[in-house]
Amino acid sequence: MSFFMLSGTFPIDTTKTRLQLQGQVIDMKQKEIRYRGMLHAFAKIAKDDGLKALFNGYSFFIVYFVFKLFILNIKSLLILR
């Protein structure tokens, strides 16, 4: 998968995770049901927490992606020798 494709789906994954967590007792902030569906959750997160909240954890994703590419390039160079 390309970097840009994964970057485009990151807010969708964040929204899905918040939908799955709502109503669980593990996190007291998520105890109540806040979202009625995917589009409602996406809009409410963007409105209440800002668009930046849809990209929580994105910096870790970038580090992971770069590291993975680096390892794959090193591995392919070693195999070609």
Protein backbone atom coordinates (compact mmCIF):
# COMPACT_ATOMS: atom_id res chain seq x y z
CA MET A 1 0.00 0.00 0.00
CA SER A 2 1.23 3.45 -0.76
CA PHE A 3 1.91 6.11 1.83
CA PHE A 4 -0.75 8.42 0.39
CA MET A 5 -3.43 5.74 0.38
CA LEU A 6 -2.75 4.91 4.02
CA SER A 7 -2.68 8.62 4.89
CA GLY A 8 -6.11 9.05 3.35
CA THR A 9 -7.61 6.21 5.35
CA PHE A 10 -6.07 7.26 8.68
CA PRO A 11 -8.98 9.56 9.71
CA ILE A 12 -11.44 6.80 8.81
CA ASP A 13 -9.58 4.34 11.03
CA THR A 14 -9.52 6.86 13.89
CA THR A 15 -13.27 7.35 13.53
CA LYS A 16 -13.87 3.59 13.46
CA THR A 17 -11.82 3.13 16.62
CA ARG A 18 -13.76 5.80 18.49
CA LEU A 19 -17.02 4.20 17.41
CA GLN A 20 -15.84 0.83 18.71
CA LEU A 21 -14.70 2.28 22.03
CA GLN A 22 -17.85 4.22 22.86
CA GLY A 23 -19.97 2.71 25.57
CA GLN A 24 -17.14 0.70 27.11
CA VAL A 25 -16.37 1.06 30.80
CA ILE A 26 -12.58 0.89 30.23
CA ASP A 27 -12.36 4.62 29.46
CA MET A 28 -14.72 6.83 31.45
CA LYS A 29 -14.70 9.49 28.69
CA GLN A 30 -16.12 6.93 26.25
CA LYS A 31 -18.74 5.49 28.63
CA GLU A 32 -21.68 7.29 27.03
CA ILE A 33 -22.87 6.74 23.46
CA ARG A 34 -21.75 9.86 21.57
CA TYR A 35 -21.98 8.83 17.91
CA ARG A 36 -24.89 7.50 15.84
CA GLY A 37 -22.81 6.25 12.94
CA MET A 38 -19.66 6.67 10.93
CA LEU A 39 -20.51 9.98 9.26
CA HIS A 40 -21.92 11.43 12.47
CA ALA A 41 -18.78 10.39 14.36
CA PHE A 42 -16.50 11.86 11.68
CA ALA A 43 -18.34 15.20 11.70
CA LYS A 44 -18.62 15.37 15.51
CA ILE A 45 -14.92 14.58 16.06
CA ALA A 46 -13.92 17.21 13.49
CA LYS A 47 -16.28 19.79 15.04
CA ASP A 48 -15.65 19.13 18.74
CA ASP A 49 -11.98 18.15 18.77
CA GLY A 50 -10.79 19.68 15.50
CA LEU A 51 -9.47 18.08 12.35
CA LYS A 52 -6.18 17.45 14.13
CA ALA A 53 -7.94 14.86 16.34
CA LEU A 54 -8.64 12.71 13.27
CA PHE A 55 -4.88 12.32 12.83
CA ASN A 56 -3.98 11.34 16.42
CA GLY A 57 -1.09 8.90 16.25
CA TYR A 58 -0.14 9.95 12.71
CA SER A 59 3.44 10.81 13.67
CA PHE A 60 3.96 7.24 14.95
CA PHE A 61 2.53 5.95 11.68
CA ILE A 62 5.05 8.01 9.67
CA VAL A 63 7.98 6.72 11.76
CA TYR A 64 6.72 3.14 11.36
CA PHE A 65 6.27 3.54 7.60
CA VAL A 66 9.76 5.02 7.07
CA PHE A 67 11.34 2.34 9.28
CA LYS A 68 9.52 -0.41 7.38
CA LEU A 69 10.73 0.96 4.03
CA PHE A 70 14.28 1.20 5.38
CA ILE A 71 14.26 -2.41 6.59
CA LEU A 72 12.82 -3.65 3.29
CA ASN A 73 15.48 -1.77 1.31
CA ILE A 74 18.29 -3.15 3.49
CA LYS A 75 16.85 -6.65 3.21
CA SER A 76 16.61 -6.45 -0.59
CA LEU A 77 20.18 -5.14 -0.84
CA LEU A 78 21.46 -8.05 1.24
CA ILE A 79 19.56 -10.57 -0.85
CA LEU A 80 20.90 -9.13 -4.11
CA ARG A 81 24.52 -9.55 -2.97
